[in-house]
Amino acid sequence: MDTIAVLLETFPLYSEDLEIDLSKPSGRFKWFLASLLFGARISEQIAATTYKTFEQYGIDSPDKIRAAGWDDLVRILDEGGYVRYDFSTASKLLEIMQALTERYGTLEELYKGSADTKELKKRLQEFKGVGAVTAQIFLREMRGIWAIQLEASNTAADVAKKLEIDLHNFSGEELAHLETALVKLALRYCKRKRCAACPVRQFCVDKSRP
């Protein structure tokens, strides 16, 4: 198999890992919630486990998050292992859900009311605690679902360069899958210098690797 095939087979979308159906509005909100958790400086596994804990308790919509209240949100975050950011994240989630509901009604209305991807990103980043990284995490998997034109992250671009992949040749859902695969590769192998175990080692042109 070539580089792209190996990447896509080895590293599915995060939303696929979490069994979130992005074709439905409810699924798109669930992915937004998951992205808020992935956006902190915390491990992928803890973020994924914490999202699954929210899902287990049925706390997976703006209204349900607001109804749960701060104490229950902290409990869920702690149960998922999100202890380092439990208090601040509980507060952040409540503020974001209130702002989302009051300003736009729903996540879908936020998207529909945005003139372009730039405005969409700006609106997302107006929420407390949502920076460029979190917006990128959420939007990269929304390519092909929403009509957006989103550049790949620097992390994905750096790894693509090492693999001699021109990301400008990809768009839409295909780019969503590819960028996510490259990010996972960066986090799980490149950042940890696990070159010997890398599934695409033979394609890498980085001569500094062992």
N, C-alpha and C. Protein backbone atom coordinates (compact mmCIF):
# COMPACT_ATOMS: atom_id res chain seq x y z
N MET A 1 0.84 -1.20 0.00
CA MET A 1 0.00 0.00 0.00
C MET A 1 0.87 1.25 0.00
N ASP A 2 0.33 2.35 -0.55
CA ASP A 2 1.09 3.59 -0.54
C ASP A 2 0.87 4.33 0.78
N THR A 3 1.53 5.47 0.92
CA THR A 3 1.50 6.22 2.17
C THR A 3 0.07 6.57 2.60
N ILE A 4 -0.70 7.12 1.68
CA ILE A 4 -2.06 7.56 2.01
C ILE A 4 -2.91 6.39 2.48
N ALA A 5 -2.83 5.28 1.77
CA ALA A 5 -3.64 4.11 2.13
C ALA A 5 -3.30 3.60 3.53
N VAL A 6 -2.01 3.57 3.84
CA VAL A 6 -1.59 3.10 5.17
C VAL A 6 -2.10 4.05 6.25
N LEU A 7 -1.96 5.35 6.01
CA LEU A 7 -2.41 6.34 6.99
C LEU A 7 -3.91 6.22 7.25
N LEU A 8 -4.69 6.14 6.19
CA LEU A 8 -6.14 6.12 6.34
C LEU A 8 -6.63 4.81 6.97
N GLU A 9 -5.94 3.73 6.68
CA GLU A 9 -6.33 2.44 7.26
C GLU A 9 -5.95 2.36 8.73
N THR A 10 -4.83 2.99 9.09
CA THR A 10 -4.31 2.90 10.45
C THR A 10 -4.98 3.88 11.41
N PHE A 11 -5.32 5.07 10.89
CA PHE A 11 -5.80 6.14 11.77
C PHE A 11 -7.16 6.67 11.31
N PRO A 12 -8.25 6.15 11.85
CA PRO A 12 -9.58 6.68 11.51
C PRO A 12 -9.83 8.03 12.17
N LEU A 13 -10.93 8.66 11.80
CA LEU A 13 -11.33 9.92 12.44
C LEU A 13 -11.55 9.70 13.93
N TYR A 14 -11.32 10.73 14.70
CA TYR A 14 -11.63 10.65 16.13
C TYR A 14 -13.13 10.41 16.33
N SER A 15 -13.95 11.05 15.53
CA SER A 15 -15.40 10.85 15.65
C SER A 15 -15.78 9.40 15.36
N GLU A 16 -15.05 8.74 14.47
CA GLU A 16 -15.30 7.32 14.21
C GLU A 16 -14.88 6.48 15.40
N ASP A 17 -13.74 6.82 16.01
CA ASP A 17 -13.31 6.12 17.22
C ASP A 17 -14.39 6.18 18.29
N LEU A 18 -15.05 7.33 18.37
CA LEU A 18 -16.07 7.56 19.41
C LEU A 18 -17.46 7.11 18.96
N GLU A 19 -17.57 6.58 17.75
CA GLU A 19 -18.84 6.11 17.18
C GLU A 19 -19.88 7.23 17.13
N ILE A 20 -19.41 8.41 16.73
CA ILE A 20 -20.29 9.57 16.57
C ILE A 20 -20.70 9.69 15.10
N ASP A 21 -21.98 9.82 14.85
CA ASP A 21 -22.51 9.94 13.49
C ASP A 21 -22.61 11.42 13.12
N LEU A 22 -21.66 11.88 12.31
CA LEU A 22 -21.63 13.30 11.95
C LEU A 22 -22.70 13.69 10.94
N SER A 23 -23.41 12.73 10.40
CA SER A 23 -24.46 13.06 9.43
C SER A 23 -25.71 13.63 10.11
N LYS A 24 -25.77 13.51 11.44
CA LYS A 24 -26.93 14.01 12.19
C LYS A 24 -26.55 15.23 13.02
N PRO A 25 -27.45 16.20 13.15
CA PRO A 25 -27.16 17.37 13.99
C PRO A 25 -26.78 16.98 15.41
N SER A 26 -27.44 15.98 15.97
CA SER A 26 -27.11 15.54 17.33
C SER A 26 -25.68 15.01 17.38
N GLY A 27 -25.27 14.31 16.34
CA GLY A 27 -23.91 13.80 16.27
C GLY A 27 -22.89 14.92 16.12
N ARG A 28 -23.24 15.94 15.37
CA ARG A 28 -22.33 17.06 15.19
C ARG A 28 -22.13 17.81 16.51
N PHE A 29 -23.19 17.91 17.31
CA PHE A 29 -23.01 18.54 18.62
C PHE A 29 -22.15 17.65 19.50
N LYS A 30 -22.36 16.34 19.45
CA LYS A 30 -21.55 15.42 20.27
C LYS A 30 -20.07 15.58 19.91
N TRP A 31 -19.78 15.73 18.62
CA TRP A 31 -18.39 15.91 18.22
C TRP A 31 -17.86 17.26 18.72
N PHE A 32 -18.70 18.27 18.76
CA PHE A 32 -18.31 19.56 19.31
C PHE A 32 -17.95 19.41 20.79
N LEU A 33 -18.77 18.68 21.53
CA LEU A 33 -18.48 18.43 22.94
C LEU A 33 -17.16 17.68 23.08
N ALA A 34 -16.96 16.65 22.27
CA ALA A 34 -15.72 15.89 22.32
C ALA A 34 -14.52 16.78 21.99
N SER A 35 -14.70 17.66 21.03
CA SER A 35 -13.60 18.56 20.63
C SER A 35 -13.22 19.50 21.76
N LEU A 36 -14.20 19.94 22.53
CA LEU A 36 -13.90 20.79 23.68
C LEU A 36 -13.03 20.04 24.69
N LEU A 37 -13.24 18.74 24.80
CA LEU A 37 -12.44 17.93 25.71
C LEU A 37 -11.05 17.65 25.15
N PHE A 38 -10.98 17.38 23.85
CA PHE A 38 -9.69 17.11 23.20
C PHE A 38 -8.82 18.36 23.14
N GLY A 39 -9.45 19.53 23.21
CA GLY A 39 -8.71 20.78 23.04
C GLY A 39 -7.79 21.15 24.17
N ALA A 40 -7.96 20.54 25.34
CA ALA A 40 -7.08 20.84 26.48
C ALA A 40 -5.77 20.08 26.36
N ARG A 41 -4.79 20.49 27.14
CA ARG A 41 -3.50 19.78 27.16
C ARG A 41 -3.63 18.54 28.02
N ILE A 42 -4.27 17.56 27.45
CA ILE A 42 -4.55 16.31 28.16
C ILE A 42 -4.47 15.18 27.14
N SER A 43 -4.25 13.97 27.59
CA SER A 43 -4.04 12.87 26.66
C SER A 43 -5.29 12.55 25.85
N GLU A 44 -5.07 12.02 24.64
CA GLU A 44 -6.18 11.60 23.79
C GLU A 44 -7.08 10.61 24.53
N GLN A 45 -6.45 9.66 25.22
CA GLN A 45 -7.21 8.60 25.88
C GLN A 45 -8.12 9.14 26.97
N ILE A 46 -7.59 10.07 27.77
CA ILE A 46 -8.42 10.65 28.83
C ILE A 46 -9.58 11.46 28.23
N ALA A 47 -9.30 12.23 27.18
CA ALA A 47 -10.36 13.00 26.54
C ALA A 47 -11.44 12.08 25.97
N ALA A 48 -11.02 10.99 25.32
CA ALA A 48 -11.98 10.05 24.73
C ALA A 48 -12.80 9.35 25.82
N THR A 49 -12.13 8.92 26.87
CA THR A 49 -12.83 8.25 27.97
C THR A 49 -13.82 9.19 28.64
N THR A 50 -13.43 10.44 28.80
CA THR A 50 -14.32 11.42 29.43
C THR A 50 -15.53 11.68 28.56
N TYR A 51 -15.32 11.79 27.24
CA TYR A 51 -16.47 11.97 26.35
C TYR A 51 -17.43 10.79 26.49
N LYS A 52 -16.89 9.57 26.50
CA LYS A 52 -17.72 8.38 26.63
C LYS A 52 -18.49 8.38 27.95
N THR A 53 -17.90 8.97 28.98
CA THR A 53 -18.59 9.06 30.27
C THR A 53 -19.77 10.01 30.17
N PHE A 54 -19.58 11.14 29.49
CA PHE A 54 -20.71 12.04 29.24
C PHE A 54 -21.82 11.31 28.51
N GLU A 55 -21.44 10.56 27.50
CA GLU A 55 -22.43 9.82 26.70
C GLU A 55 -23.14 8.76 27.54
N GLN A 56 -22.38 8.09 28.39
CA GLN A 56 -22.93 7.06 29.26
C GLN A 56 -24.06 7.61 30.14
N TYR A 57 -23.87 8.84 30.62
CA TYR A 57 -24.88 9.46 31.47
C TYR A 57 -25.92 10.25 30.68
N GLY A 58 -25.82 10.20 29.36
CA GLY A 58 -26.80 10.89 28.52
C GLY A 58 -26.67 12.40 28.56
N ILE A 59 -25.50 12.91 28.96
CA ILE A 59 -25.28 14.36 29.00
C ILE A 59 -24.60 14.75 27.69
N ASP A 60 -25.39 14.87 26.63
CA ASP A 60 -24.82 15.03 25.30
C ASP A 60 -25.55 16.06 24.44
N SER A 61 -26.15 17.05 25.07
CA SER A 61 -26.80 18.14 24.35
C SER A 61 -26.65 19.41 25.20
N PRO A 62 -26.80 20.58 24.58
CA PRO A 62 -26.68 21.82 25.37
C PRO A 62 -27.62 21.87 26.57
N ASP A 63 -28.88 21.49 26.35
CA ASP A 63 -29.86 21.54 27.45
C ASP A 63 -29.50 20.58 28.57
N LYS A 64 -29.04 19.39 28.20
CA LYS A 64 -28.70 18.38 29.22
C LYS A 64 -27.45 18.79 30.00
N ILE A 65 -26.52 19.42 29.33
CA ILE A 65 -25.32 19.89 30.03
C ILE A 65 -25.69 20.99 31.02
N ARG A 66 -26.53 21.92 30.59
CA ARG A 66 -26.95 23.01 31.48
C ARG A 66 -27.77 22.47 32.65
N ALA A 67 -28.63 21.48 32.35
CA ALA A 67 -29.47 20.91 33.41
C ALA A 67 -28.65 20.11 34.42
N ALA A 68 -27.55 19.53 33.97
CA ALA A 68 -26.71 18.73 34.86
C ALA A 68 -26.12 19.58 35.97
N GLY A 69 -25.73 20.79 35.63
CA GLY A 69 -25.16 21.68 36.64
C GLY A 69 -23.69 21.41 36.91
N TRP A 70 -23.08 22.35 37.59
CA TRP A 70 -21.62 22.33 37.80
C TRP A 70 -21.15 21.09 38.57
N ASP A 71 -21.83 20.75 39.66
CA ASP A 71 -21.40 19.63 40.49
C ASP A 71 -21.41 18.31 39.73
N ASP A 72 -22.48 18.05 38.98
CA ASP A 72 -22.55 16.80 38.21
C ASP A 72 -21.53 16.77 37.08
N LEU A 73 -21.28 17.92 36.47
CA LEU A 73 -20.28 17.98 35.40
C LEU A 73 -18.89 17.66 35.96
N VAL A 74 -18.58 18.20 37.11
CA VAL A 74 -17.29 17.90 37.74
C VAL A 74 -17.19 16.41 38.04
N ARG A 75 -18.26 15.83 38.54
CA ARG A 75 -18.27 14.40 38.84
C ARG A 75 -18.00 13.56 37.60
N ILE A 76 -18.65 13.92 36.49
CA ILE A 76 -18.46 13.19 35.23
C ILE A 76 -17.04 13.35 34.72
N LEU A 77 -16.54 14.56 34.79
CA LEU A 77 -15.17 14.83 34.35
C LEU A 77 -14.17 14.03 35.18
N ASP A 78 -14.37 13.99 36.48
CA ASP A 78 -13.48 13.24 37.36
C ASP A 78 -13.55 11.74 37.05
N GLU A 79 -14.76 11.25 36.84
CA GLU A 79 -14.92 9.82 36.53
C GLU A 79 -14.20 9.45 35.24
N GLY A 80 -14.19 10.38 34.28
CA GLY A 80 -13.51 10.12 33.01
C GLY A 80 -12.00 10.28 33.09
N GLY A 81 -11.51 10.80 34.21
CA GLY A 81 -10.08 10.99 34.37
C GLY A 81 -9.61 12.40 34.06
N TYR A 82 -10.57 13.31 33.84
CA TYR A 82 -10.26 14.68 33.45
C TYR A 82 -10.03 15.54 34.69
N VAL A 83 -9.31 15.00 35.65
CA VAL A 83 -9.23 15.65 36.96
C VAL A 83 -8.41 16.93 36.96
N ARG A 84 -7.44 17.03 36.08
CA ARG A 84 -6.57 18.22 36.08
C ARG A 84 -7.34 19.49 35.73
N TYR A 85 -8.37 19.33 34.90
CA TYR A 85 -9.12 20.50 34.44
C TYR A 85 -10.61 20.41 34.80
N ASP A 86 -10.93 19.64 35.84
CA ASP A 86 -12.34 19.37 36.11
C ASP A 86 -13.15 20.63 36.45
N PHE A 87 -12.67 21.43 37.39
CA PHE A 87 -13.43 22.61 37.80
C PHE A 87 -13.55 23.62 36.66
N SER A 88 -12.43 23.92 36.03
CA SER A 88 -12.44 24.93 34.97
C SER A 88 -13.25 24.47 33.75
N THR A 89 -13.17 23.17 33.44
CA THR A 89 -13.91 22.66 32.28
C THR A 89 -15.41 22.63 32.54
N ALA A 90 -15.81 22.30 33.75
CA ALA A 90 -17.24 22.33 34.09
C ALA A 90 -17.79 23.74 33.91
N SER A 91 -17.05 24.71 34.41
CA SER A 91 -17.48 26.11 34.26
C SER A 91 -17.51 26.51 32.79
N LYS A 92 -16.48 26.11 32.04
CA LYS A 92 -16.39 26.45 30.62
C LYS A 92 -17.56 25.86 29.84
N LEU A 93 -17.88 24.60 30.11
CA LEU A 93 -18.98 23.95 29.39
C LEU A 93 -20.30 24.66 29.65
N LEU A 94 -20.54 25.02 30.88
CA LEU A 94 -21.79 25.72 31.21
C LEU A 94 -21.87 27.07 30.51
N GLU A 95 -20.78 27.80 30.49
CA GLU A 95 -20.77 29.11 29.84
C GLU A 95 -20.94 28.99 28.33
N ILE A 96 -20.28 28.00 27.73
CA ILE A 96 -20.40 27.81 26.28
C ILE A 96 -21.82 27.43 25.91
N MET A 97 -22.44 26.53 26.67
CA MET A 97 -23.80 26.10 26.34
C MET A 97 -24.79 27.25 26.49
N GLN A 98 -24.59 28.07 27.50
CA GLN A 98 -25.47 29.22 27.67
C GLN A 98 -25.29 30.21 26.51
N ALA A 99 -24.05 30.49 26.16
CA ALA A 99 -23.78 31.43 25.07
C ALA A 99 -24.29 30.89 23.75
N LEU A 100 -24.07 29.61 23.50
CA LEU A 100 -24.54 28.99 22.26
C LEU A 100 -26.05 29.12 22.14
N THR A 101 -26.74 28.79 23.21
CA THR A 101 -28.21 28.82 23.19
C THR A 101 -28.74 30.24 23.04
N GLU A 102 -28.15 31.18 23.77
CA GLU A 102 -28.66 32.55 23.75
C GLU A 102 -28.33 33.28 22.45
N ARG A 103 -27.15 33.06 21.90
CA ARG A 103 -26.73 33.79 20.70
C ARG A 103 -27.26 33.17 19.40
N TYR A 104 -27.28 31.82 19.36
CA TYR A 104 -27.57 31.16 18.08
C TYR A 104 -28.73 30.16 18.15
N GLY A 105 -29.03 29.67 19.30
CA GLY A 105 -30.07 28.65 19.43
C GLY A 105 -29.45 27.26 19.39
N THR A 106 -28.80 26.95 18.28
CA THR A 106 -28.17 25.64 18.12
C THR A 106 -26.83 25.78 17.39
N LEU A 107 -26.06 24.72 17.42
CA LEU A 107 -24.80 24.69 16.68
C LEU A 107 -25.06 24.80 15.18
N GLU A 108 -26.14 24.20 14.72
CA GLU A 108 -26.48 24.25 13.30
C GLU A 108 -26.77 25.68 12.86
N GLU A 109 -27.46 26.45 13.70
CA GLU A 109 -27.77 27.83 13.37
C GLU A 109 -26.51 28.69 13.39
N LEU A 110 -25.59 28.37 14.26
CA LEU A 110 -24.31 29.07 14.28
C LEU A 110 -23.61 28.90 12.93
N TYR A 111 -23.61 27.66 12.44
CA TYR A 111 -22.98 27.38 11.13
C TYR A 111 -23.73 28.07 9.99
N LYS A 112 -25.04 27.92 9.96
CA LYS A 112 -25.83 28.47 8.86
C LYS A 112 -25.75 30.00 8.81
N GLY A 113 -25.56 30.63 9.94
CA GLY A 113 -25.49 32.08 9.98
C GLY A 113 -24.11 32.64 9.70
N SER A 114 -23.13 31.76 9.49
CA SER A 114 -21.76 32.21 9.21
C SER A 114 -21.56 32.37 7.72
N ALA A 115 -21.04 33.49 7.30
CA ALA A 115 -20.89 33.78 5.87
C ALA A 115 -19.85 32.88 5.21
N ASP A 116 -18.82 32.51 5.96
CA ASP A 116 -17.75 31.69 5.40
C ASP A 116 -17.01 31.00 6.54
N THR A 117 -15.98 30.25 6.19
CA THR A 117 -15.23 29.50 7.20
C THR A 117 -14.55 30.43 8.20
N LYS A 118 -14.05 31.55 7.72
CA LYS A 118 -13.38 32.52 8.60
C LYS A 118 -14.33 33.00 9.68
N GLU A 119 -15.54 33.35 9.29
CA GLU A 119 -16.52 33.82 10.27
C GLU A 119 -16.93 32.69 11.21
N LEU A 120 -17.05 31.48 10.66
CA LEU A 120 -17.41 30.33 11.48
C LEU A 120 -16.37 30.09 12.57
N LYS A 121 -15.10 30.13 12.19
CA LYS A 121 -14.02 29.96 13.16
C LYS A 121 -14.05 31.08 14.20
N LYS A 122 -14.30 32.30 13.74
CA LYS A 122 -14.34 33.45 14.65
C LYS A 122 -15.45 33.28 15.68
N ARG A 123 -16.61 32.85 15.23
CA ARG A 123 -17.73 32.67 16.14
C ARG A 123 -17.43 31.57 17.17
N LEU A 124 -16.83 30.48 16.72
CA LEU A 124 -16.49 29.39 17.63
C LEU A 124 -15.50 29.87 18.69
N GLN A 125 -14.53 30.68 18.25
CA GLN A 125 -13.48 31.12 19.16
C GLN A 125 -13.94 32.25 20.08
N GLU A 126 -15.14 32.75 19.86
CA GLU A 126 -15.69 33.74 20.79
C GLU A 126 -16.21 33.07 22.07
N PHE A 127 -16.40 31.75 22.02
CA PHE A 127 -16.81 31.03 23.21
C PHE A 127 -15.64 30.93 24.18
N LYS A 128 -15.93 31.04 25.47
CA LYS A 128 -14.88 30.98 26.49
C LYS A 128 -14.11 29.67 26.40
N GLY A 129 -12.79 29.80 26.29
CA GLY A 129 -11.94 28.61 26.31
C GLY A 129 -11.80 27.90 24.98
N VAL A 130 -12.42 28.44 23.93
CA VAL A 130 -12.28 27.82 22.60
C VAL A 130 -11.27 28.64 21.81
N GLY A 131 -10.08 28.09 21.66
CA GLY A 131 -9.04 28.76 20.90
C GLY A 131 -8.90 28.17 19.51
N ALA A 132 -7.84 28.55 18.85
CA ALA A 132 -7.62 28.09 17.48
C ALA A 132 -7.46 26.58 17.40
N VAL A 133 -6.81 25.98 18.40
CA VAL A 133 -6.59 24.53 18.39
C VAL A 133 -7.91 23.78 18.48
N THR A 134 -8.76 24.16 19.42
CA THR A 134 -10.05 23.49 19.59
C THR A 134 -10.92 23.67 18.35
N ALA A 135 -10.94 24.87 17.79
CA ALA A 135 -11.73 25.11 16.58
C ALA A 135 -11.24 24.23 15.44
N GLN A 136 -9.92 24.07 15.31
CA GLN A 136 -9.35 23.23 14.26
C GLN A 136 -9.72 21.77 14.46
N ILE A 137 -9.65 21.30 15.70
CA ILE A 137 -10.02 19.92 16.00
C ILE A 137 -11.45 19.65 15.56
N PHE A 138 -12.35 20.56 15.92
CA PHE A 138 -13.75 20.37 15.57
C PHE A 138 -13.99 20.46 14.06
N LEU A 139 -13.48 21.50 13.45
CA LEU A 139 -13.81 21.76 12.05
C LEU A 139 -13.12 20.80 11.06
N ARG A 140 -11.95 20.28 11.41
CA ARG A 140 -11.24 19.44 10.44
C ARG A 140 -12.07 18.20 10.08
N GLU A 141 -12.86 17.67 11.04
CA GLU A 141 -13.68 16.50 10.74
C GLU A 141 -15.05 16.87 10.20
N MET A 142 -15.33 18.17 10.14
CA MET A 142 -16.59 18.63 9.58
C MET A 142 -16.49 18.90 8.08
N ARG A 143 -15.28 18.80 7.54
CA ARG A 143 -15.13 18.92 6.08
C ARG A 143 -15.95 17.81 5.40
N GLY A 144 -16.67 18.17 4.36
CA GLY A 144 -17.50 17.19 3.68
C GLY A 144 -18.88 17.04 4.31
N ILE A 145 -19.01 17.51 5.56
CA ILE A 145 -20.31 17.52 6.24
C ILE A 145 -20.90 18.92 6.13
N TRP A 146 -20.10 19.91 6.50
CA TRP A 146 -20.44 21.32 6.29
C TRP A 146 -19.62 21.85 5.12
N ALA A 147 -20.13 22.86 4.46
CA ALA A 147 -19.43 23.46 3.32
C ALA A 147 -18.39 24.44 3.85
N ILE A 148 -17.21 23.95 4.17
CA ILE A 148 -16.16 24.80 4.72
C ILE A 148 -14.86 24.58 3.96
N GLN A 149 -14.04 25.61 3.96
CA GLN A 149 -12.70 25.55 3.35
C GLN A 149 -11.70 25.81 4.46
N LEU A 150 -11.10 24.76 4.95
CA LEU A 150 -10.24 24.85 6.13
C LEU A 150 -8.84 24.38 5.80
N GLU A 151 -7.85 25.22 6.06
CA GLU A 151 -6.46 24.83 5.87
C GLU A 151 -6.07 23.78 6.91
N ALA A 152 -5.17 22.90 6.54
CA ALA A 152 -4.68 21.90 7.49
C ALA A 152 -3.84 22.58 8.57
N SER A 153 -3.79 21.98 9.74
CA SER A 153 -3.01 22.52 10.84
C SER A 153 -1.52 22.42 10.55
N ASN A 154 -0.75 23.23 11.27
CA ASN A 154 0.71 23.17 11.12
C ASN A 154 1.26 21.79 11.48
N THR A 155 0.65 21.17 12.48
CA THR A 155 1.10 19.84 12.89
C THR A 155 0.96 18.86 11.74
N ALA A 156 -0.21 18.86 11.09
CA ALA A 156 -0.45 17.96 9.97
C ALA A 156 0.46 18.31 8.80
N ALA A 157 0.63 19.59 8.54
CA ALA A 157 1.46 20.03 7.41
C ALA A 157 2.92 19.61 7.59
N ASP A 158 3.42 19.70 8.82
CA ASP A 158 4.82 19.32 9.08
C ASP A 158 5.04 17.82 8.83
N VAL A 159 4.10 17.00 9.28
CA VAL A 159 4.25 15.55 9.07
C VAL A 159 4.06 15.21 7.59
N ALA A 160 3.14 15.90 6.93
CA ALA A 160 2.91 15.66 5.50
C ALA A 160 4.18 15.94 4.71
N LYS A 161 4.90 16.98 5.10
CA LYS A 161 6.15 17.33 4.41
C LYS A 161 7.17 16.21 4.54
N LYS A 162 7.26 15.62 5.72
CA LYS A 162 8.20 14.52 5.94
C LYS A 162 7.84 13.29 5.10
N LEU A 163 6.55 13.16 4.80
CA LEU A 163 6.08 12.02 4.02
C LEU A 163 5.91 12.37 2.54
N GLU A 164 6.31 13.58 2.18
CA GLU A 164 6.21 14.07 0.80
C GLU A 164 4.77 14.00 0.26
N ILE A 165 3.85 14.43 1.13
CA ILE A 165 2.44 14.49 0.76
C ILE A 165 2.07 15.95 0.54
N ASP A 166 1.51 16.26 -0.61
CA ASP A 166 1.06 17.62 -0.89
C ASP A 166 -0.41 17.73 -0.51
N LEU A 167 -0.67 18.39 0.61
CA LEU A 167 -2.04 18.47 1.12
C LEU A 167 -2.95 19.29 0.22
N HIS A 168 -2.38 20.10 -0.67
CA HIS A 168 -3.20 20.89 -1.59
C HIS A 168 -3.90 20.01 -2.63
N ASN A 169 -3.49 18.76 -2.71
CA ASN A 169 -4.13 17.83 -3.65
C ASN A 169 -5.39 17.18 -3.07
N PHE A 170 -5.72 17.54 -1.83
CA PHE A 170 -6.85 16.91 -1.16
C PHE A 170 -7.83 17.97 -0.66
N SER A 171 -9.08 17.58 -0.55
CA SER A 171 -10.11 18.51 -0.06
C SER A 171 -11.27 17.72 0.54
N GLY A 172 -12.18 18.45 1.15
CA GLY A 172 -13.39 17.85 1.67
C GLY A 172 -13.15 16.70 2.65
N GLU A 173 -13.98 15.70 2.54
CA GLU A 173 -13.92 14.57 3.47
C GLU A 173 -12.59 13.84 3.40
N GLU A 174 -12.00 13.77 2.21
CA GLU A 174 -10.71 13.10 2.06
C GLU A 174 -9.63 13.82 2.87
N LEU A 175 -9.65 15.15 2.84
CA LEU A 175 -8.68 15.92 3.62
C LEU A 175 -8.96 15.79 5.10
N ALA A 176 -10.23 15.68 5.48
CA ALA A 176 -10.59 15.48 6.89
C ALA A 176 -9.94 14.21 7.42
N HIS A 177 -10.06 13.14 6.68
CA HIS A 177 -9.47 11.86 7.09
C HIS A 177 -7.95 11.94 7.11
N LEU A 178 -7.39 12.58 6.09
CA LEU A 178 -5.93 12.63 5.99
C LEU A 178 -5.33 13.50 7.09
N GLU A 179 -5.91 14.67 7.34
CA GLU A 179 -5.37 15.53 8.38
C GLU A 179 -5.44 14.85 9.74
N THR A 180 -6.56 14.22 10.04
CA THR A 180 -6.69 13.53 11.32
C THR A 180 -5.64 12.44 11.45
N ALA A 181 -5.42 11.69 10.37
CA ALA A 181 -4.41 10.63 10.39
C ALA A 181 -3.02 11.20 10.66
N LEU A 182 -2.71 12.31 10.03
CA LEU A 182 -1.40 12.93 10.22
C LEU A 182 -1.23 13.47 11.64
N VAL A 183 -2.28 14.01 12.20
CA VAL A 183 -2.22 14.50 13.58
C VAL A 183 -2.01 13.34 14.54
N LYS A 184 -2.73 12.27 14.33
CA LYS A 184 -2.56 11.09 15.19
C LYS A 184 -1.14 10.55 15.07
N LEU A 185 -0.62 10.52 13.85
CA LEU A 185 0.75 10.05 13.64
C LEU A 185 1.73 10.94 14.40
N ALA A 186 1.52 12.24 14.32
CA ALA A 186 2.40 13.19 15.01
C ALA A 186 2.38 12.98 16.52
N LEU A 187 1.18 12.83 17.08
CA LEU A 187 1.04 12.70 18.52
C LEU A 187 1.55 11.36 19.05
N ARG A 188 1.28 10.31 18.30
CA ARG A 188 1.57 8.97 18.81
C ARG A 188 2.95 8.44 18.45
N TYR A 189 3.54 9.00 17.39
CA TYR A 189 4.84 8.50 16.94
C TYR A 189 5.91 9.59 16.85
N CYS A 190 5.66 10.63 16.06
CA CYS A 190 6.68 11.66 15.85
C CYS A 190 7.05 12.36 17.15
N LYS A 191 6.06 12.82 17.89
CA LYS A 191 6.30 13.56 19.13
C LYS A 191 7.02 12.70 20.16
N ARG A 192 6.71 11.43 20.18
CA ARG A 192 7.31 10.51 21.15
C ARG A 192 8.59 9.86 20.63
N LYS A 193 8.97 10.24 19.41
CA LYS A 193 10.17 9.69 18.76
C LYS A 193 10.14 8.16 18.68
N ARG A 194 8.95 7.66 18.35
CA ARG A 194 8.76 6.21 18.19
C ARG A 194 8.93 5.82 16.72
N CYS A 195 10.01 6.27 16.15
CA CYS A 195 10.24 6.07 14.71
C CYS A 195 10.29 4.60 14.33
N ALA A 196 10.91 3.78 15.17
CA ALA A 196 11.08 2.37 14.83
C ALA A 196 9.74 1.64 14.69
N ALA A 197 8.72 2.12 15.43
CA ALA A 197 7.41 1.47 15.39
C ALA A 197 6.44 2.16 14.44
N CYS A 198 6.87 3.26 13.81
CA CYS A 198 5.97 4.05 12.96
C CYS A 198 5.46 3.23 11.78
N PRO A 199 4.14 3.23 11.55
CA PRO A 199 3.57 2.43 10.46
C PRO A 199 3.90 2.95 9.06
N VAL A 200 4.40 4.19 8.96
CA VAL A 200 4.77 4.74 7.65
C VAL A 200 6.25 5.12 7.62
N ARG A 201 7.04 4.46 8.44
CA ARG A 201 8.46 4.79 8.54
C ARG A 201 9.16 4.73 7.18
N GLN A 202 8.80 3.74 6.38
CA GLN A 202 9.49 3.56 5.10
C GLN A 202 9.27 4.71 4.13
N PHE A 203 8.24 5.52 4.39
CA PHE A 203 7.92 6.63 3.49
C PHE A 203 8.50 7.96 3.98
N CYS A 204 9.07 7.97 5.19
CA CYS A 204 9.53 9.22 5.80
C CYS A 204 10.89 9.64 5.24
N VAL A 205 11.02 10.92 4.94
CA VAL A 205 12.29 11.43 4.38
C VAL A 205 13.11 12.16 5.45
N ASP A 206 12.66 12.12 6.69
CA ASP A 206 13.39 12.77 7.77
C ASP A 206 14.61 11.92 8.12
N LYS A 207 15.76 12.33 7.68
CA LYS A 207 16.97 11.54 7.84
C LYS A 207 17.51 11.56 9.26
N SER A 208 16.89 12.38 10.13
CA SER A 208 17.35 12.45 11.50
C SER A 208 16.80 11.31 12.35
N ARG A 209 15.82 10.61 11.81
CA ARG A 209 15.22 9.53 12.61
C ARG A 209 16.19 8.36 12.72
N PRO A 210 16.11 7.56 13.80
CA PRO A 210 17.01 6.44 13.97
C PRO A 210 16.65 5.29 13.04
